[in-house]
PDB file of N, CA and C in Angstrom:
ATOM      1  N   MET A   1      92.122 132.413 142.164  1.00  0.00           N
ATOM      2  CA  MET A   1      93.195 133.271 141.694  1.00  0.00           C
ATOM      3  C   MET A   1      94.078 132.470 140.743  1.00  0.00           C
ATOM      4  N   GLY A   2      94.350 133.019 139.589  1.00  0.00           N
ATOM      5  CA  GLY A   2      95.186 132.348 138.597  1.00  0.00           C
ATOM      6  C   GLY A   2      96.658 132.421 138.939  1.00  0.00           C
ATOM      7  N   ASP A   3      97.423 131.703 138.177  1.00  0.00           N
ATOM      8  CA  ASP A   3      98.871 131.720 138.310  1.00  0.00           C
ATOM      9  C   ASP A   3      99.445 132.805 137.420  1.00  0.00           C
ATOM     10  N   THR A   4     100.637 133.269 137.741  1.00  0.00           N
ATOM     11  CA  THR A   4     101.368 134.198 136.883  1.00  0.00           C
ATOM     12  C   THR A   4     102.593 133.476 136.349  1.00  0.00           C
ATOM     13  N   TRP A   5     102.725 133.462 135.013  1.00  0.00           N
ATOM     14  CA  TRP A   5     103.805 132.753 134.333  1.00  0.00           C
ATOM     15  C   TRP A   5     104.714 133.758 133.641  1.00  0.00           C
ATOM     16  N   VAL A   6     106.007 133.632 133.840  1.00  0.00           N
ATOM     17  CA  VAL A   6     106.998 134.385 133.073  1.00  0.00           C
ATOM     18  C   VAL A   6     107.784 133.335 132.301  1.00  0.00           C
ATOM     19  N   THR A   7     107.654 133.388 130.980  1.00  0.00           N
ATOM     20  CA  THR A   7     108.115 132.285 130.142  1.00  0.00           C
ATOM     21  C   THR A   7     109.080 132.761 129.067  1.00  0.00           C
ATOM     22  N   ASP A   8     110.182 132.053 128.897  1.00  0.00           N
ATOM     23  CA  ASP A   8     111.113 132.266 127.795  1.00  0.00           C
ATOM     24  C   ASP A   8     110.960 131.065 126.868  1.00  0.00           C
ATOM     25  N   MET A   9     110.423 131.286 125.683  1.00  0.00           N
ATOM     26  CA  MET A   9     110.123 130.192 124.764  1.00  0.00           C
ATOM     27  C   MET A   9     111.365 129.420 124.339  1.00  0.00           C
ATOM     28  N   ARG A  10     112.535 130.033 124.401  1.00  0.00           N
ATOM     29  CA  ARG A  10     113.774 129.346 124.016  1.00  0.00           C
ATOM     30  C   ARG A  10     114.090 128.182 124.948  1.00  0.00           C
ATOM     31  N   HIS A  11     113.552 128.208 126.159  1.00  0.00           N
ATOM     32  CA  HIS A  11     113.818 127.136 127.115  1.00  0.00           C
ATOM     33  C   HIS A  11     113.171 125.818 126.708  1.00  0.00           C
ATOM     34  N   TYR A  12     112.195 125.883 125.807  1.00  0.00           N
ATOM     35  CA  TYR A  12     111.522 124.670 125.337  1.00  0.00           C
ATOM     36  C   TYR A  12     112.167 124.082 124.080  1.00  0.00           C
ATOM     37  N   LEU A  13     113.190 124.728 123.568  1.00  0.00           N
ATOM     38  CA  LEU A  13     113.780 124.325 122.297  1.00  0.00           C
ATOM     39  C   LEU A  13     115.160 123.700 122.482  1.00  0.00           C
ATOM     40  N   ASP A  14     115.511 122.830 121.542  1.00  0.00           N
ATOM     41  CA  ASP A  14     116.861 122.277 121.547  1.00  0.00           C
ATOM     42  C   ASP A  14     117.789 123.226 120.785  1.00  0.00           C
ATOM     43  N   GLU A  15     119.042 122.835 120.634  1.00  0.00           N
ATOM     44  CA  GLU A  15     120.037 123.712 119.988  1.00  0.00           C
ATOM     45  C   GLU A  15     119.733 123.965 118.514  1.00  0.00           C
ATOM     46  N   ASP A  16     118.890 123.146 117.897  1.00  0.00           N
ATOM     47  CA  ASP A  16     118.513 123.345 116.496  1.00  0.00           C
ATOM     48  C   ASP A  16     117.215 124.141 116.333  1.00  0.00           C
ATOM     49  N   GLY A  17     116.612 124.546 117.439  1.00  0.00           N
ATOM     50  CA  GLY A  17     115.391 125.351 117.376  1.00  0.00           C
ATOM     51  C   GLY A  17     114.102 124.549 117.326  1.00  0.00           C
ATOM     52  N   TYR A  18     114.189 123.248 117.572  1.00  0.00           N
ATOM     53  CA  TYR A  18     113.007 122.382 117.600  1.00  0.00           C
ATOM     54  C   TYR A  18     112.624 122.079 119.041  1.00  0.00           C
ATOM     55  N   LEU A  19     111.409 121.590 119.233  1.00  0.00           N
ATOM     56  CA  LEU A  19     110.998 121.204 120.578  1.00  0.00           C
ATOM     57  C   LEU A  19     111.969 120.186 121.145  1.00  0.00           C
ATOM     58  N   GLY A  20     112.437 120.459 122.347  1.00  0.00           N
ATOM     59  CA  GLY A  20     113.366 119.552 122.988  1.00  0.00           C
ATOM     60  C   GLY A  20     112.642 118.381 123.628  1.00  0.00           C
ATOM     61  N   ASP A  21     113.415 117.420 124.095  1.00  0.00           N
ATOM     62  CA  ASP A  21     112.869 116.279 124.813  1.00  0.00           C
ATOM     63  C   ASP A  21     112.487 116.749 126.209  1.00  0.00           C
ATOM     64  N   MET A  22     111.221 116.572 126.577  1.00  0.00           N
ATOM     65  CA  MET A  22     110.750 117.064 127.870  1.00  0.00           C
ATOM     66  C   MET A  22     109.560 116.235 128.334  1.00  0.00           C
ATOM     67  N   PRO A  23     109.260 116.296 129.627  1.00  0.00           N
ATOM     68  CA  PRO A  23     108.077 115.593 130.140  1.00  0.00           C
ATOM     69  C   PRO A  23     106.794 116.155 129.515  1.00  0.00           C
ATOM     70  N   ASN A  24     105.735 115.356 129.520  1.00  0.00           N
ATOM     71  CA  ASN A  24     104.468 115.767 128.911  1.00  0.00           C
ATOM     72  C   ASN A  24     103.920 117.069 129.468  1.00  0.00           C
ATOM     73  N   GLN A  25     104.031 117.299 130.773  1.00  0.00           N
ATOM     74  CA  GLN A  25     103.519 118.545 131.345  1.00  0.00           C
ATOM     75  C   GLN A  25     104.256 119.748 130.762  1.00  0.00           C
ATOM     76  N   ALA A  26     105.557 119.658 130.621  1.00  0.00           N
ATOM     77  CA  ALA A  26     106.331 120.752 130.033  1.00  0.00           C
ATOM     78  C   ALA A  26     105.968 120.933 128.559  1.00  0.00           C
ATOM     79  N   LEU A  27     105.778 119.839 127.843  1.00  0.00           N
ATOM     80  CA  LEU A  27     105.383 119.913 126.441  1.00  0.00           C
ATOM     81  C   LEU A  27     104.023 120.594 126.295  1.00  0.00           C
ATOM     82  N   ASN A  28     103.079 120.251 127.164  1.00  0.00           N
ATOM     83  CA  ASN A  28     101.766 120.896 127.124  1.00  0.00           C
ATOM     84  C   ASN A  28     101.873 122.393 127.365  1.00  0.00           C
ATOM     85  N   LEU A  29     102.727 122.806 128.289  1.00  0.00           N
ATOM     86  CA  LEU A  29     102.936 124.240 128.523  1.00  0.00           C
ATOM     87  C   LEU A  29     103.558 124.903 127.298  1.00  0.00           C
ATOM     88  N   ALA A  30     104.559 124.256 126.707  1.00  0.00           N
ATOM     89  CA  ALA A  30     105.201 124.810 125.509  1.00  0.00           C
ATOM     90  C   ALA A  30     104.176 125.014 124.400  1.00  0.00           C
ATOM     91  N   LEU A  31     103.307 124.050 124.204  1.00  0.00           N
ATOM     92  CA  LEU A  31     102.301 124.157 123.145  1.00  0.00           C
ATOM     93  C   LEU A  31     101.263 125.230 123.462  1.00  0.00           C
ATOM     94  N   PHE A  32     100.889 125.377 124.726  1.00  0.00           N
ATOM     95  CA  PHE A  32      99.956 126.433 125.126  1.00  0.00           C
ATOM     96  C   PHE A  32     100.571 127.814 124.885  1.00  0.00           C
ATOM     97  N   PHE A  33     101.766 128.041 125.423  1.00  0.00           N
ATOM     98  CA  PHE A  33     102.416 129.342 125.245  1.00  0.00           C
ATOM     99  C   PHE A  33     102.715 129.589 123.764  1.00  0.00           C
ATOM    100  N   GLY A  34     103.121 128.542 123.047  1.00  0.00           N
ATOM    101  CA  GLY A  34     103.383 128.661 121.618  1.00  0.00           C
ATOM    102  C   GLY A  34     102.138 129.041 120.840  1.00  0.00           C
ATOM    103  N   SER A  35     100.983 128.550 121.256  1.00  0.00           N
ATOM    104  CA  SER A  35      99.722 128.919 120.602  1.00  0.00           C
ATOM    105  C   SER A  35      99.444 130.408 120.754  1.00  0.00           C
ATOM    106  N   ILE A  36      99.752 130.948 121.915  1.00  0.00           N
ATOM    107  CA  ILE A  36      99.567 132.386 122.132  1.00  0.00           C
ATOM    108  C   ILE A  36     100.502 133.170 121.217  1.00  0.00           C
ATOM    109  N   VAL A  37     101.766 132.766 121.159  1.00  0.00           N
ATOM    110  CA  VAL A  37     102.739 133.435 120.291  1.00  0.00           C
ATOM    111  C   VAL A  37     102.294 133.333 118.834  1.00  0.00           C
ATOM    112  N   GLY A  38     101.893 132.150 118.402  1.00  0.00           N
ATOM    113  CA  GLY A  38     101.441 131.962 117.026  1.00  0.00           C
ATOM    114  C   GLY A  38     100.270 132.853 116.680  1.00  0.00           C
ATOM    115  N   TRP A  39      99.304 132.941 117.583  1.00  0.00           N
ATOM    116  CA  TRP A  39      98.131 133.805 117.354  1.00  0.00           C
ATOM    117  C   TRP A  39      98.565 135.272 117.258  1.00  0.00           C
ATOM    118  N   MET A  40      99.361 135.698 118.202  1.00  0.00           N
ATOM    119  CA  MET A  40      99.763 137.111 118.244  1.00  0.00           C
ATOM    120  C   MET A  40     100.591 137.511 117.031  1.00  0.00           C
ATOM    121  N   THR A  41     101.428 136.635 116.535  1.00  0.00           N
ATOM    122  CA  THR A  41     102.324 137.001 115.435  1.00  0.00           C
ATOM    123  C   THR A  41     101.701 136.759 114.066  1.00  0.00           C
ATOM    124  N   SER A  42     100.499 136.201 114.022  1.00  0.00           N
ATOM    125  CA  SER A  42      99.861 135.969 112.724  1.00  0.00           C
ATOM    126  C   SER A  42      98.562 136.740 112.538  1.00  0.00           C
ATOM    127  N   HIS A  43      98.178 137.560 113.507  1.00  0.00           N
ATOM    128  CA  HIS A  43      96.924 138.306 113.420  1.00  0.00           C
ATOM    129  C   HIS A  43      97.137 139.768 113.787  1.00  0.00           C
ATOM    130  N   GLU A  44      96.337 140.611 113.172  1.00  0.00           N
ATOM    131  CA  GLU A  44      96.238 141.981 113.674  1.00  0.00           C
ATOM    132  C   GLU A  44      95.521 141.855 115.008  1.00  0.00           C
ATOM    133  N   THR A  45      96.155 142.265 116.059  1.00  0.00           N
ATOM    134  CA  THR A  45      95.591 142.007 117.381  1.00  0.00           C
ATOM    135  C   THR A  45      94.892 143.222 117.951  1.00  0.00           C
ATOM    136  N   ASP A  46      93.848 142.963 118.652  1.00  0.00           N
ATOM    137  CA  ASP A  46      93.099 143.965 119.394  1.00  0.00           C
ATOM    138  C   ASP A  46      92.991 143.415 120.811  1.00  0.00           C
ATOM    139  N   PRO A  47      93.672 144.043 121.783  1.00  0.00           N
ATOM    140  CA  PRO A  47      93.684 143.477 123.133  1.00  0.00           C
ATOM    141  C   PRO A  47      92.308 143.435 123.794  1.00  0.00           C
ATOM    142  N   THR A  48      91.299 144.045 123.169  1.00  0.00           N
ATOM    143  CA  THR A  48      89.950 143.962 123.737  1.00  0.00           C
ATOM    144  C   THR A  48      89.183 142.758 123.200  1.00  0.00           C
ATOM    145  N   GLN A  49      89.793 142.001 122.282  1.00  0.00           N
ATOM    146  CA  GLN A  49      89.156 140.821 121.696  1.00  0.00           C
ATOM    147  C   GLN A  49      89.925 139.562 122.107  1.00  0.00           C
ATOM    148  N   PRO A  50      89.214 138.463 122.343  1.00  0.00           N
ATOM    149  CA  PRO A  50      89.913 137.231 122.715  1.00  0.00           C
ATOM    150  C   PRO A  50      90.648 136.625 121.524  1.00  0.00           C
ATOM    151  N   SER A  51      91.671 135.857 121.818  1.00  0.00           N
ATOM    152  CA  SER A  51      92.356 135.075 120.788  1.00  0.00           C
ATOM    153  C   SER A  51      91.526 133.814 120.552  1.00  0.00           C
ATOM    154  N   ASN A  52      92.043 132.910 119.776  1.00  0.00           N
ATOM    155  CA  ASN A  52      91.370 131.619 119.623  1.00  0.00           C
ATOM    156  C   ASN A  52      92.009 130.566 120.532  1.00  0.00           C
ATOM    157  N   VAL A  53      92.778 131.005 121.516  1.00  0.00           N
ATOM    158  CA  VAL A  53      93.491 130.088 122.408  1.00  0.00           C
ATOM    159  C   VAL A  53      92.659 129.877 123.673  1.00  0.00           C
ATOM    160  N   PRO A  54      92.220 128.634 123.930  1.00  0.00           N
ATOM    161  CA  PRO A  54      91.457 128.372 125.151  1.00  0.00           C
ATOM    162  C   PRO A  54      92.366 128.365 126.373  1.00  0.00           C
ATOM    163  N   CYS A  55      91.805 128.734 127.496  1.00  0.00           N
ATOM    164  CA  CYS A  55      92.552 128.692 128.751  1.00  0.00           C
ATOM    165  C   CYS A  55      92.925 127.255 129.065  1.00  0.00           C
ATOM    166  N   ARG A  56      94.051 127.062 129.716  1.00  0.00           N
ATOM    167  CA  ARG A  56      94.563 125.731 130.020  1.00  0.00           C
ATOM    168  C   ARG A  56      94.272 125.281 131.452  1.00  0.00           C
ATOM    169  N   ARG A  57      93.838 126.195 132.301  1.00  0.00           N
ATOM    170  CA  ARG A  57      93.674 125.849 133.721  1.00  0.00           C
ATOM    171  C   ARG A  57      92.463 124.962 133.966  1.00  0.00           C
ATOM    172  N   SER A  58      92.535 124.227 135.031  1.00  0.00           N
ATOM    173  CA  SER A  58      91.418 123.394 135.486  1.00  0.00           C
ATOM    174  C   SER A  58      91.252 123.569 136.989  1.00  0.00           C
ATOM    175  N   PRO A  59      90.809 124.765 137.407  1.00  0.00           N
ATOM    176  CA  PRO A  59      90.647 124.977 138.850  1.00  0.00           C
ATOM    177  C   PRO A  59      89.560 124.051 139.408  1.00  0.00           C
ATOM    178  N   GLY A  60      89.836 123.414 140.526  1.00  0.00           N
ATOM    179  CA  GLY A  60      88.871 122.491 141.116  1.00  0.00           C
ATOM    180  C   GLY A  60      88.549 121.312 140.218  1.00  0.00           C
ATOM    181  N   HIS A  61      89.484 120.959 139.333  1.00  0.00           N
ATOM    182  CA  HIS A  61      89.335 119.840 138.390  1.00  0.00           C
ATOM    183  C   HIS A  61      88.221 120.061 137.368  1.00  0.00           C
ATOM    184  N   SER A  62      87.815 121.313 137.184  1.00  0.00           N
ATOM    185  CA  SER A  62      86.849 121.665 136.134  1.00  0.00           C
ATOM    186  C   SER A  62      87.553 122.589 135.152  1.00  0.00           C
ATOM    187  N   ARG A  63      87.508 122.231 133.895  1.00  0.00           N
ATOM    188  CA  ARG A  63      88.211 123.004 132.863  1.00  0.00           C
ATOM    189  C   ARG A  63      87.668 124.433 132.801  1.00  0.00           C
ATOM    190  N   CYS A  64      88.568 125.421 132.839  1.00  0.00           N
ATOM    191  CA  CYS A  64      88.180 126.820 132.654  1.00  0.00           C
ATOM    192  C   CYS A  64      87.708 126.984 131.207  1.00  0.00           C
ATOM    193  N   VAL A  65      86.611 127.673 131.005  1.00  0.00           N
ATOM    194  CA  VAL A  65      86.061 127.857 129.660  1.00  0.00           C
ATOM    195  C   VAL A  65      86.443 129.216 129.067  1.00  0.00           C
ATOM    196  N   GLY A  66      87.373 129.918 129.722  1.00  0.00           N
ATOM    197  CA  GLY A  66      87.805 131.218 129.241  1.00  0.00           C
ATOM    198  C   GLY A  66      88.675 131.131 128.001  1.00  0.00           C
ATOM    199  N   GLU A  67      88.766 132.264 127.304  1.00  0.00           N
ATOM    200  CA  GLU A  67      89.658 132.401 126.160  1.00  0.00           C
ATOM    201  C   GLU A  67      90.730 133.417 126.519  1.00  0.00           C
ATOM    202  N   ILE A  68      91.923 133.204 126.022  1.00  0.00           N
ATOM    203  CA  ILE A  68      93.066 134.055 126.343  1.00  0.00           C
ATOM    204  C   ILE A  68      92.992 135.374 125.580  1.00  0.00           C
ATOM    205  N   TYR A  69      93.248 136.458 126.298  1.00  0.00           N
ATOM    206  CA  TYR A  69      93.436 137.784 125.721  1.00  0.00           C
ATOM    207  C   TYR A  69      94.931 138.069 125.781  1.00  0.00           C
ATOM    208  N   ALA A  70      95.485 138.688 124.750  1.00  0.00           N
ATOM    209  CA  ALA A  70      96.931 138.924 124.731  1.00  0.00           C
ATOM    210  C   ALA A  70      97.245 140.228 124.026  1.00  0.00           C
ATOM    211  N   SER A  71      98.432 140.770 124.326  1.00  0.00           N
ATOM    212  CA  SER A  71      98.887 141.989 123.663  1.00  0.00           C
ATOM    213  C   SER A  71     100.409 142.049 123.713  1.00  0.00           C
ATOM    214  N   PHE A  72     100.975 142.776 122.754  1.00  0.00           N
ATOM    215  CA  PHE A  72     102.415 143.010 122.751  1.00  0.00           C
ATOM    216  C   PHE A  72     102.729 144.099 123.765  1.00  0.00           C
ATOM    217  N   GLU A  73     103.809 143.910 124.508  1.00  0.00           N
ATOM    218  CA  GLU A  73     104.234 144.873 125.520  1.00  0.00           C
ATOM    219  C   GLU A  73     105.611 145.414 125.179  1.00  0.00           C
ATOM    220  N   ILE A  74     105.865 146.644 125.601  1.00  0.00           N
ATOM    221  CA  ILE A  74     107.159 147.274 125.360  1.00  0.00           C
ATOM    222  C   ILE A  74     108.041 147.206 126.604  1.00  0.00           C
ATOM    223  N   ASP A  75     107.462 147.437 127.780  1.00  0.00           N
ATOM    224  CA  ASP A  75     108.256 147.483 129.002  1.00  0.00           C
ATOM    225  C   ASP A  75     107.557 146.718 130.112  1.00  0.00           C
ATOM    226  N   PRO A  76     107.964 145.522 130.446  1.00  0.00           N
ATOM    227  CA  PRO A  76     109.040 144.771 129.809  1.00  0.00           C
ATOM    228  C   PRO A  76     108.574 144.213 128.468  1.00  0.00           C
ATOM    229  N   PRO A  77     109.504 144.014 127.538  1.00  0.00           N
ATOM    230  CA  PRO A  77     109.117 143.537 126.210  1.00  0.00           C
ATOM    231  C   PRO A  77     108.618 142.093 126.250  1.00  0.00           C
ATOM    232  N   GLY A  78     107.634 141.817 125.434  1.00  0.00           N
ATOM    233  CA  GLY A  78     107.107 140.461 125.342  1.00  0.00           C
ATOM    234  C   GLY A  78     105.640 140.467 124.979  1.00  0.00           C
ATOM    235  N   ILE A  79     105.011 139.350 125.165  1.00  0.00           N
ATOM    236  CA  ILE A  79     103.581 139.191 124.935  1.00  0.00           C
ATOM    237  C   ILE A  79     102.943 138.926 126.291  1.00  0.00           C
ATOM    238  N   SER A  80     102.075 139.826 126.722  1.00  0.00           N
ATOM    239  CA  SER A  80     101.348 139.588 127.967  1.00  0.00           C
ATOM    240  C   SER A  80     100.019 138.932 127.624  1.00  0.00           C
ATOM    241  N   TRP A  81      99.533 138.094 128.514  1.00  0.00           N
ATOM    242  CA  TRP A  81      98.292 137.380 128.271  1.00  0.00           C
ATOM    243  C   TRP A  81      97.557 137.161 129.588  1.00  0.00           C
ATOM    244  N   PHE A  82      96.247 136.943 129.491  1.00  0.00           N
ATOM    245  CA  PHE A  82      95.460 136.636 130.676  1.00  0.00           C
ATOM    246  C   PHE A  82      94.136 135.982 130.291  1.00  0.00           C
ATOM    247  N   CYS A  83      93.585 135.257 131.231  1.00  0.00           N
ATOM    248  CA  CYS A  83      92.242 134.690 131.108  1.00  0.00           C
ATOM    249  C   CYS A  83      91.335 135.509 132.018  1.00  0.00           C
ATOM    250  N   PRO A  84      90.287 136.125 131.482  1.00  0.00           N
ATOM    251  CA  PRO A  84      89.420 136.949 132.319  1.00  0.00           C
ATOM    252  C   PRO A  84      88.555 136.150 133.303  1.00  0.00           C
ATOM    253  N   LEU A  85      88.430 134.842 133.103  1.00  0.00           N
ATOM    254  CA  LEU A  85      87.591 134.048 133.996  1.00  0.00           C
ATOM    255  C   LEU A  85      88.343 133.542 135.222  1.00  0.00           C
ATOM    256  N   CYS A  86      89.493 132.899 135.009  1.00  0.00           N
ATOM    257  CA  CYS A  86      90.228 132.319 136.146  1.00  0.00           C
ATOM    258  C   CYS A  86      91.415 133.184 136.579  1.00  0.00           C
ATOM    259  N   LEU A  87      91.727 134.210 135.801  1.00  0.00           N
ATOM    260  CA  LEU A  87      92.803 135.168 136.080  1.00  0.00           C
ATOM    261  C   LEU A  87      94.207 134.611 135.900  1.00  0.00           C
ATOM    262  N   ASP A  88      94.350 133.454 135.267  1.00  0.00           N
ATOM    263  CA  ASP A  88      95.661 132.953 134.882  1.00  0.00           C
ATOM    264  C   ASP A  88      96.271 134.012 133.961  1.00  0.00           C
ATOM    265  N   ASN A  89      97.573 134.264 134.047  1.00  0.00           N
ATOM    266  CA  ASN A  89      98.176 135.352 133.279  1.00  0.00           C
ATOM    267  C   ASN A  89      99.670 135.147 133.166  1.00  0.00           C
ATOM    268  N   GLY A  90     100.296 135.958 132.317  1.00  0.00           N
ATOM    269  CA  GLY A  90     101.737 135.856 132.217  1.00  0.00           C
ATOM    270  C   GLY A  90     102.346 136.754 131.170  1.00  0.00           C
ATOM    271  N   LEU A  91     103.659 136.613 131.032  1.00  0.00           N
ATOM    272  CA  LEU A  91     104.457 137.348 130.058  1.00  0.00           C
ATOM    273  C   LEU A  91     105.349 136.341 129.343  1.00  0.00           C
ATOM    274  N   ILE A  92     105.313 136.379 128.019  1.00  0.00           N
ATOM    275  CA  ILE A  92     106.131 135.476 127.209  1.00  0.00           C
ATOM    276  C   ILE A  92     107.207 136.302 126.520  1.00  0.00           C
ATOM    277  N   HIS A  93     108.442 135.885 126.668  1.00  0.00           N
ATOM    278  CA  HIS A  93     109.526 136.535 125.920  1.00  0.00           C
ATOM    279  C   HIS A  93     110.397 135.449 125.309  1.00  0.00           C
ATOM    280  N   GLY A  94     111.377 135.844 124.515  1.00  0.00           N
ATOM    281  CA  GLY A  94     112.240 134.885 123.846  1.00  0.00           C
ATOM    282  C   GLY A  94     111.537 134.130 122.738  1.00  0.00           C
ATOM    283  N   TRP A  95     110.474 134.673 122.184  1.00  0.00           N
ATOM    284  CA  TRP A  95     109.710 134.012 121.122  1.00  0.00           C
ATOM    285  C   TRP A  95     110.168 134.399 119.729  1.00  0.00           C
ATOM    286  N   GLU A  96     110.869 135.522 119.608  1.00  0.00           N
ATOM    287  CA  GLU A  96     111.277 136.019 118.308  1.00  0.00           C
ATOM    288  C   GLU A  96     112.172 135.009 117.595  1.00  0.00           C
ATOM    289  N   GLY A  97     111.807 134.663 116.363  1.00  0.00           N
ATOM    290  CA  GLY A  97     112.601 133.742 115.568  1.00  0.00           C
ATOM    291  C   GLY A  97     112.415 132.269 115.907  1.00  0.00           C
ATOM    292  N   THR A  98     111.503 131.959 116.833  1.00  0.00           N
ATOM    293  CA  THR A  98     111.259 130.557 117.162  1.00  0.00           C
ATOM    294  C   THR A  98     110.262 129.964 116.174  1.00  0.00           C
ATOM    295  N   LEU A  99     110.029 128.677 116.291  1.00  0.00           N
ATOM    296  CA  LEU A  99     109.092 128.007 115.388  1.00  0.00           C
ATOM    297  C   LEU A  99     107.663 128.516 115.551  1.00  0.00           C
ATOM    298  N   TRP A 100     107.370 129.248 116.623  1.00  0.00           N
ATOM    299  CA  TRP A 100     106.028 129.793 116.827  1.00  0.00           C
ATOM    300  C   TRP A 100     105.869 131.190 116.250  1.00  0.00           C
ATOM    301  N   ASP A 101     106.950 131.836 115.881  1.00  0.00           N
ATOM    302  CA  ASP A 101     106.915 133.197 115.345  1.00  0.00           C
ATOM    303  C   ASP A 101     106.365 133.154 113.919  1.00  0.00           C
ATOM    304  N   ARG A 102     105.174 133.696 113.709  1.00  0.00           N
ATOM    305  CA  ARG A 102     104.494 133.649 112.419  1.00  0.00           C
ATOM    306  C   ARG A 102     104.624 134.957 111.629  1.00  0.00           C
ATOM    307  N   ARG A 103     105.473 135.853 112.085  1.00  0.00           N
ATOM    308  CA  ARG A 103     105.663 137.097 111.328  1.00  0.00           C
ATOM    309  C   ARG A 103     106.328 136.785 109.985  1.00  0.00           C
ATOM    310  N   PRO A 104     106.039 137.588 108.968  1.00  0.00           N
ATOM    311  CA  PRO A 104     106.699 137.367 107.672  1.00  0.00           C
ATOM    312  C   PRO A 104     108.219 137.403 107.825  1.00  0.00           C
ATOM    313  N   GLN A 105     108.890 136.481 107.140  1.00  0.00           N
ATOM    314  CA  GLN A 105     110.349 136.418 107.170  1.00  0.00           C
ATOM    315  C   GLN A 105     110.935 137.576 106.390  1.00  0.00           C
ATOM    316  N   LYS A 106     111.998 138.143 106.911  1.00  0.00           N
ATOM    317  CA  LYS A 106     112.669 139.272 106.230  1.00  0.00           C
ATOM    318  C   LYS A 106     113.820 138.779 105.394  1.00  0.00           C
TER     319      LYS A 106
END
């Protein structure tokens, strides 16, 4: 059974909007969640197709070979994601306007 993550991307940033000083495990999580945000905000997404983001879990010390599926959600707002192999999943919010947001600037 995978973990469920509820993530606010702003928690990984300093007051200037850059990656803050954090332990390596937290940095790895920030980069994983940021990759999902980057993919979602730079591609026309189809929730039935995988992203190019590999799963990060290593159940039983063996790397999961799944690819992340993601979609934009309205209620609650954010980006939901999951790995169909290990069932790791979550909801990312607070990504708008961060360094991972790849939408065209207005």
